[in-house]
């Protein structure tokens, strides 16, 4: 694994994970706004929620692919470079798994809030 190649992949993954975290915060805000204004027919807000959710999911897929690419590039490298790539992949996969778990928890919490309110206005910001 060339240092430059691995560095590029790491930068890409770190950027994507940062973007995922930012979008998760935005998604939570969108849901809170949507629930507070539940009587409004806000299709635009619903579309933005759907788009943001899909972007987050795509971000996870991009990270997963980039992690796999590090391993693929390491196949024809020295044992030491392969070991380094394996360690990098393990660390990144663990971080990605934590982020994915946080996303699932967020979705579950938001779904429960929607179900609990039954479409009634409420303030969900303190609902953690």
N, C-alpha and C. Protein backbone atom coordinates (compact mmCIF):
# COMPACT_ATOMS: atom_id res chain seq x y z
N UNK A 1 0.87 -1.17 0.00
CA UNK A 1 0.00 0.00 0.00
C UNK A 1 0.90 1.21 0.00
N UNK A 2 0.77 2.03 -1.00
CA UNK A 2 1.58 3.23 -1.00
C UNK A 2 1.06 4.19 0.05
N UNK A 3 1.97 4.91 0.66
CA UNK A 3 1.59 5.86 1.70
C UNK A 3 0.63 6.90 1.15
N UNK A 4 0.91 7.37 -0.07
CA UNK A 4 0.06 8.39 -0.69
C UNK A 4 -1.34 7.84 -0.94
N UNK A 5 -1.42 6.63 -1.48
CA UNK A 5 -2.71 6.01 -1.78
C UNK A 5 -3.53 5.81 -0.50
N UNK A 6 -2.90 5.29 0.54
CA UNK A 6 -3.59 5.08 1.81
C UNK A 6 -4.00 6.41 2.40
N UNK A 7 -3.15 7.40 2.32
CA UNK A 7 -3.46 8.74 2.83
C UNK A 7 -4.66 9.33 2.13
N UNK A 8 -4.73 9.14 0.81
CA UNK A 8 -5.87 9.64 0.04
C UNK A 8 -7.16 8.95 0.47
N UNK A 9 -7.10 7.65 0.66
CA UNK A 9 -8.28 6.90 1.09
C UNK A 9 -8.71 7.34 2.49
N UNK A 10 -7.74 7.49 3.38
CA UNK A 10 -8.05 7.92 4.74
C UNK A 10 -8.70 9.30 4.75
N UNK A 11 -8.16 10.21 3.98
CA UNK A 11 -8.72 11.56 3.88
C UNK A 11 -10.15 11.50 3.37
N UNK A 12 -10.37 10.68 2.36
CA UNK A 12 -11.70 10.52 1.78
C UNK A 12 -12.68 9.96 2.82
N UNK A 13 -12.26 8.95 3.54
CA UNK A 13 -13.12 8.32 4.54
C UNK A 13 -13.39 9.29 5.69
N UNK A 14 -12.37 9.98 6.16
CA UNK A 14 -12.55 10.94 7.25
C UNK A 14 -13.50 12.05 6.84
N UNK A 15 -13.36 12.53 5.61
CA UNK A 15 -14.27 13.57 5.11
C UNK A 15 -15.69 13.04 5.07
N UNK A 16 -15.87 11.84 4.55
CA UNK A 16 -17.20 11.25 4.43
C UNK A 16 -17.83 11.02 5.80
N UNK A 17 -17.05 10.55 6.77
CA UNK A 17 -17.59 10.33 8.11
C UNK A 17 -17.98 11.65 8.77
N UNK A 18 -17.19 12.67 8.55
CA UNK A 18 -17.53 14.00 9.07
C UNK A 18 -18.82 14.49 8.44
N UNK A 19 -18.97 14.27 7.14
CA UNK A 19 -20.18 14.67 6.43
C UNK A 19 -21.39 13.88 6.94
N UNK A 20 -21.20 12.61 7.23
CA UNK A 20 -22.28 11.78 7.78
C UNK A 20 -22.74 12.35 9.12
N UNK A 21 -21.77 12.67 10.01
CA UNK A 21 -22.13 13.22 11.32
C UNK A 21 -22.89 14.54 11.17
N UNK A 22 -22.43 15.39 10.27
CA UNK A 22 -23.09 16.67 10.03
C UNK A 22 -24.52 16.45 9.53
N UNK A 23 -24.68 15.52 8.61
CA UNK A 23 -26.01 15.24 8.06
C UNK A 23 -26.92 14.59 9.09
N UNK A 24 -26.37 13.79 10.00
CA UNK A 24 -27.19 13.20 11.05
C UNK A 24 -27.74 14.30 11.97
N UNK A 25 -26.91 15.27 12.29
CA UNK A 25 -27.36 16.40 13.11
C UNK A 25 -28.45 17.17 12.37
N UNK A 26 -28.24 17.39 11.09
CA UNK A 26 -29.23 18.10 10.26
C UNK A 26 -30.53 17.30 10.19
N UNK A 27 -30.43 15.99 10.03
CA UNK A 27 -31.61 15.13 9.96
C UNK A 27 -32.43 15.22 11.25
N UNK A 28 -31.74 15.20 12.36
CA UNK A 28 -32.42 15.30 13.65
C UNK A 28 -33.16 16.64 13.74
N UNK A 29 -32.53 17.70 13.29
CA UNK A 29 -33.15 19.02 13.28
C UNK A 29 -34.37 19.06 12.35
N UNK A 30 -34.24 18.44 11.18
CA UNK A 30 -35.36 18.40 10.24
C UNK A 30 -36.56 17.68 10.85
N UNK A 31 -36.29 16.56 11.51
CA UNK A 31 -37.37 15.80 12.14
C UNK A 31 -38.04 16.63 13.24
N UNK A 32 -37.22 17.31 14.04
CA UNK A 32 -37.77 18.13 15.13
C UNK A 32 -38.68 19.22 14.55
N UNK A 33 -38.22 19.89 13.50
CA UNK A 33 -39.03 20.93 12.86
C UNK A 33 -40.32 20.33 12.29
N UNK A 34 -40.19 19.18 11.66
CA UNK A 34 -41.34 18.53 11.04
C UNK A 34 -42.38 18.14 12.10
N UNK A 35 -41.91 17.62 13.23
CA UNK A 35 -42.84 17.22 14.29
C UNK A 35 -43.50 18.42 14.96
N UNK A 36 -42.74 19.50 15.13
CA UNK A 36 -43.32 20.72 15.73
C UNK A 36 -44.41 21.30 14.84
N UNK A 37 -44.27 21.09 13.54
CA UNK A 37 -45.22 21.64 12.58
C UNK A 37 -46.03 20.53 11.93
N UNK A 38 -46.42 19.57 12.72
CA UNK A 38 -47.07 18.36 12.20
C UNK A 38 -48.40 18.63 11.50
N UNK A 39 -49.05 19.74 11.82
CA UNK A 39 -50.33 20.03 11.18
C UNK A 39 -50.14 20.63 9.79
N UNK A 40 -48.95 21.13 9.53
CA UNK A 40 -48.67 21.69 8.21
C UNK A 40 -48.40 20.56 7.23
N UNK A 41 -48.88 20.72 6.02
CA UNK A 41 -48.60 19.73 4.97
C UNK A 41 -47.28 20.14 4.33
N UNK A 42 -46.20 19.67 4.93
CA UNK A 42 -44.88 20.12 4.53
C UNK A 42 -44.15 19.03 3.73
N UNK A 43 -44.59 18.83 2.52
CA UNK A 43 -43.97 17.81 1.65
C UNK A 43 -42.50 18.14 1.38
N UNK A 44 -42.18 19.42 1.31
CA UNK A 44 -40.80 19.82 1.06
C UNK A 44 -39.89 19.34 2.20
N UNK A 45 -40.34 19.49 3.43
CA UNK A 45 -39.57 19.04 4.59
C UNK A 45 -39.44 17.51 4.57
N UNK A 46 -40.52 16.83 4.23
CA UNK A 46 -40.48 15.36 4.14
C UNK A 46 -39.49 14.91 3.07
N UNK A 47 -39.49 15.60 1.94
CA UNK A 47 -38.54 15.26 0.87
C UNK A 47 -37.11 15.50 1.32
N UNK A 48 -36.88 16.58 2.04
CA UNK A 48 -35.53 16.87 2.52
C UNK A 48 -35.08 15.81 3.53
N UNK A 49 -36.00 15.36 4.37
CA UNK A 49 -35.69 14.28 5.32
C UNK A 49 -35.31 13.01 4.56
N UNK A 50 -36.09 12.68 3.55
CA UNK A 50 -35.82 11.47 2.76
C UNK A 50 -34.48 11.57 2.03
N UNK A 51 -34.22 12.71 1.42
CA UNK A 51 -32.96 12.92 0.69
C UNK A 51 -31.77 12.83 1.65
N UNK A 52 -31.88 13.49 2.79
CA UNK A 52 -30.78 13.49 3.77
C UNK A 52 -30.52 12.07 4.27
N UNK A 53 -31.57 11.32 4.53
CA UNK A 53 -31.41 9.93 4.97
C UNK A 53 -30.70 9.10 3.90
N UNK A 54 -31.08 9.29 2.66
CA UNK A 54 -30.42 8.56 1.56
C UNK A 54 -28.96 8.98 1.42
N UNK A 55 -28.66 10.27 1.61
CA UNK A 55 -27.28 10.74 1.52
C UNK A 55 -26.42 10.13 2.62
N UNK A 56 -26.98 10.01 3.81
CA UNK A 56 -26.26 9.39 4.92
C UNK A 56 -25.97 7.93 4.58
N UNK A 57 -26.98 7.23 4.09
CA UNK A 57 -26.80 5.81 3.73
C UNK A 57 -25.74 5.67 2.64
N UNK A 58 -25.80 6.54 1.64
CA UNK A 58 -24.77 6.50 0.58
C UNK A 58 -23.38 6.78 1.14
N UNK A 59 -23.31 7.68 2.11
CA UNK A 59 -22.03 7.97 2.75
C UNK A 59 -21.45 6.75 3.43
N UNK A 60 -22.30 6.00 4.12
CA UNK A 60 -21.83 4.76 4.74
C UNK A 60 -21.32 3.78 3.70
N UNK A 61 -22.01 3.67 2.58
CA UNK A 61 -21.59 2.76 1.51
C UNK A 61 -20.26 3.21 0.90
N UNK A 62 -20.08 4.51 0.73
CA UNK A 62 -18.82 5.03 0.19
C UNK A 62 -17.67 4.69 1.13
N UNK A 63 -17.88 4.88 2.42
CA UNK A 63 -16.83 4.57 3.40
C UNK A 63 -16.49 3.09 3.37
N UNK A 64 -17.51 2.27 3.33
CA UNK A 64 -17.30 0.82 3.29
C UNK A 64 -16.49 0.42 2.06
N UNK A 65 -16.82 1.00 0.92
CA UNK A 65 -16.09 0.70 -0.32
C UNK A 65 -14.65 1.17 -0.24
N UNK A 66 -14.44 2.35 0.34
CA UNK A 66 -13.08 2.89 0.45
C UNK A 66 -12.24 2.03 1.39
N UNK A 67 -12.84 1.52 2.45
CA UNK A 67 -12.12 0.64 3.38
C UNK A 67 -11.71 -0.65 2.65
N UNK A 68 -12.62 -1.20 1.88
CA UNK A 68 -12.30 -2.41 1.11
C UNK A 68 -11.19 -2.14 0.11
N UNK A 69 -11.19 -0.96 -0.48
CA UNK A 69 -10.18 -0.60 -1.47
C UNK A 69 -8.78 -0.59 -0.85
N UNK A 70 -8.68 -0.16 0.39
CA UNK A 70 -7.39 -0.19 1.08
C UNK A 70 -6.87 -1.63 1.14
N UNK A 71 -7.75 -2.56 1.48
CA UNK A 71 -7.36 -3.96 1.54
C UNK A 71 -6.98 -4.52 0.19
N UNK A 72 -7.73 -4.14 -0.84
CA UNK A 72 -7.42 -4.62 -2.19
C UNK A 72 -6.06 -4.10 -2.66
N UNK A 73 -5.76 -2.86 -2.36
CA UNK A 73 -4.48 -2.29 -2.78
C UNK A 73 -3.31 -2.91 -2.03
N UNK A 74 -3.58 -3.47 -0.85
CA UNK A 74 -2.52 -4.05 -0.03
C UNK A 74 -2.16 -5.47 -0.43
N UNK A 75 -2.95 -6.10 -1.26
CA UNK A 75 -2.74 -7.51 -1.59
C UNK A 75 -1.35 -7.82 -2.15
N UNK A 76 -0.83 -6.94 -2.96
CA UNK A 76 0.47 -7.19 -3.59
C UNK A 76 1.61 -6.45 -2.90
N UNK A 77 1.43 -6.10 -1.65
CA UNK A 77 2.44 -5.36 -0.91
C UNK A 77 3.18 -6.27 0.06
N UNK A 78 4.17 -5.69 0.70
CA UNK A 78 4.94 -6.46 1.69
C UNK A 78 4.05 -6.84 2.87
N UNK A 79 4.53 -7.81 3.63
CA UNK A 79 3.79 -8.27 4.81
C UNK A 79 3.57 -7.12 5.78
N UNK A 80 4.57 -6.30 5.96
CA UNK A 80 4.45 -5.16 6.88
C UNK A 80 3.39 -4.17 6.38
N UNK A 81 3.37 -3.91 5.09
CA UNK A 81 2.37 -3.00 4.54
C UNK A 81 0.97 -3.61 4.62
N UNK A 82 0.88 -4.91 4.42
CA UNK A 82 -0.41 -5.59 4.54
C UNK A 82 -0.93 -5.51 5.98
N UNK A 83 -0.01 -5.69 6.93
CA UNK A 83 -0.38 -5.60 8.34
C UNK A 83 -0.86 -4.19 8.67
N UNK A 84 -0.16 -3.19 8.15
CA UNK A 84 -0.55 -1.80 8.37
C UNK A 84 -1.94 -1.55 7.78
N UNK A 85 -2.17 -2.04 6.58
CA UNK A 85 -3.47 -1.87 5.93
C UNK A 85 -4.57 -2.55 6.74
N UNK A 86 -4.28 -3.74 7.25
CA UNK A 86 -5.27 -4.46 8.06
C UNK A 86 -5.60 -3.67 9.32
N UNK A 87 -4.59 -3.10 9.97
CA UNK A 87 -4.83 -2.31 11.18
C UNK A 87 -5.66 -1.05 10.86
N UNK A 88 -5.32 -0.41 9.76
CA UNK A 88 -6.06 0.78 9.35
C UNK A 88 -7.51 0.41 9.05
N UNK A 89 -7.69 -0.68 8.31
CA UNK A 89 -9.05 -1.12 7.97
C UNK A 89 -9.85 -1.47 9.22
N UNK A 90 -9.24 -2.14 10.18
CA UNK A 90 -9.93 -2.51 11.41
C UNK A 90 -10.37 -1.27 12.19
N UNK A 91 -9.49 -0.31 12.28
CA UNK A 91 -9.80 0.92 12.99
C UNK A 91 -10.95 1.68 12.31
N UNK A 92 -10.84 1.81 10.99
CA UNK A 92 -11.87 2.52 10.24
C UNK A 92 -13.21 1.78 10.29
N UNK A 93 -13.17 0.46 10.17
CA UNK A 93 -14.40 -0.32 10.22
C UNK A 93 -15.08 -0.19 11.58
N UNK A 94 -14.29 -0.15 12.64
CA UNK A 94 -14.84 0.01 13.99
C UNK A 94 -15.51 1.38 14.13
N UNK A 95 -14.85 2.41 13.65
CA UNK A 95 -15.42 3.77 13.68
C UNK A 95 -16.69 3.83 12.85
N UNK A 96 -16.64 3.23 11.67
CA UNK A 96 -17.81 3.22 10.79
C UNK A 96 -18.97 2.47 11.45
N UNK A 97 -18.68 1.38 12.11
CA UNK A 97 -19.71 0.60 12.79
C UNK A 97 -20.34 1.44 13.91
N UNK A 98 -19.53 2.19 14.65
CA UNK A 98 -20.05 3.06 15.70
C UNK A 98 -20.97 4.13 15.12
N UNK A 99 -20.54 4.73 14.01
CA UNK A 99 -21.36 5.76 13.36
C UNK A 99 -22.67 5.17 12.85
N UNK A 100 -22.59 3.98 12.28
CA UNK A 100 -23.79 3.31 11.77
C UNK A 100 -24.74 2.99 12.92
N UNK A 101 -24.21 2.55 14.04
CA UNK A 101 -25.03 2.27 15.21
C UNK A 101 -25.70 3.55 15.71
N UNK A 102 -24.96 4.65 15.73
CA UNK A 102 -25.54 5.93 16.13
C UNK A 102 -26.67 6.34 15.20
N UNK A 103 -26.48 6.10 13.90
CA UNK A 103 -27.50 6.43 12.91
C UNK A 103 -28.76 5.59 13.14
N UNK A 104 -28.58 4.31 13.38
CA UNK A 104 -29.73 3.43 13.65
C UNK A 104 -30.46 3.87 14.92
N UNK A 105 -29.71 4.25 15.95
CA UNK A 105 -30.33 4.73 17.19
C UNK A 105 -31.10 6.02 16.93
N UNK A 106 -30.52 6.92 16.14
CA UNK A 106 -31.19 8.16 15.78
C UNK A 106 -32.50 7.88 15.05
N UNK A 107 -32.44 7.00 14.06
CA UNK A 107 -33.64 6.67 13.31
C UNK A 107 -34.70 6.05 14.22
N UNK A 108 -34.29 5.18 15.10
CA UNK A 108 -35.22 4.53 16.02
C UNK A 108 -35.86 5.56 16.94
N UNK A 109 -35.04 6.45 17.48
CA UNK A 109 -35.55 7.49 18.37
C UNK A 109 -36.53 8.41 17.63
N UNK A 110 -36.20 8.79 16.42
CA UNK A 110 -37.07 9.67 15.65
C UNK A 110 -38.38 8.98 15.30
N UNK A 111 -38.29 7.70 14.94
CA UNK A 111 -39.50 6.94 14.62
C UNK A 111 -40.40 6.85 15.85
N UNK A 112 -39.80 6.58 17.02
CA UNK A 112 -40.59 6.49 18.25
C UNK A 112 -41.26 7.83 18.57
N UNK A 113 -40.55 8.93 18.31
CA UNK A 113 -41.13 10.25 18.56
C UNK A 113 -42.32 10.50 17.64
N UNK A 114 -42.18 10.13 16.40
CA UNK A 114 -43.28 10.30 15.44
C UNK A 114 -44.46 9.43 15.86
N UNK A 115 -44.18 8.20 16.22
CA UNK A 115 -45.23 7.27 16.63
C UNK A 115 -45.92 7.75 17.91
N UNK A 116 -45.11 8.23 18.85
CA UNK A 116 -45.64 8.69 20.14
C UNK A 116 -46.52 9.93 19.98
N UNK A 117 -46.12 10.84 19.12
CA UNK A 117 -46.88 12.08 18.96
C UNK A 117 -48.11 11.89 18.09
N UNK A 118 -48.12 10.85 17.30
CA UNK A 118 -49.27 10.58 16.44
C UNK A 118 -49.60 11.74 15.53
N UNK A 119 -48.56 12.50 15.13
CA UNK A 119 -48.77 13.62 14.21
C UNK A 119 -49.11 14.91 14.91
N UNK A 120 -49.09 14.94 16.26
CA UNK A 120 -49.40 16.17 17.00
C UNK A 120 -48.15 16.99 17.18
N UNK A 121 -48.31 18.30 17.28
CA UNK A 121 -47.17 19.19 17.50
C UNK A 121 -46.55 18.90 18.86
N UNK A 122 -45.24 18.96 18.88
CA UNK A 122 -44.51 18.75 20.13
C UNK A 122 -43.10 19.27 19.97
N UNK A 123 -42.43 19.48 21.07
CA UNK A 123 -41.03 19.88 21.03
C UNK A 123 -40.20 18.64 21.34
N UNK A 124 -39.45 18.16 20.35
CA UNK A 124 -38.70 16.91 20.52
C UNK A 124 -37.22 17.13 20.76
N UNK A 125 -36.80 18.39 20.87
CA UNK A 125 -35.36 18.63 21.02
C UNK A 125 -34.78 18.02 22.29
N UNK A 126 -35.54 17.99 23.34
CA UNK A 126 -35.03 17.42 24.58
C UNK A 126 -35.29 15.93 24.71
N UNK A 127 -35.68 15.28 23.62
CA UNK A 127 -36.10 13.89 23.66
C UNK A 127 -35.02 12.85 23.66
N UNK A 128 -33.80 13.17 23.95
CA UNK A 128 -32.74 12.17 23.93
C UNK A 128 -32.83 11.25 25.06
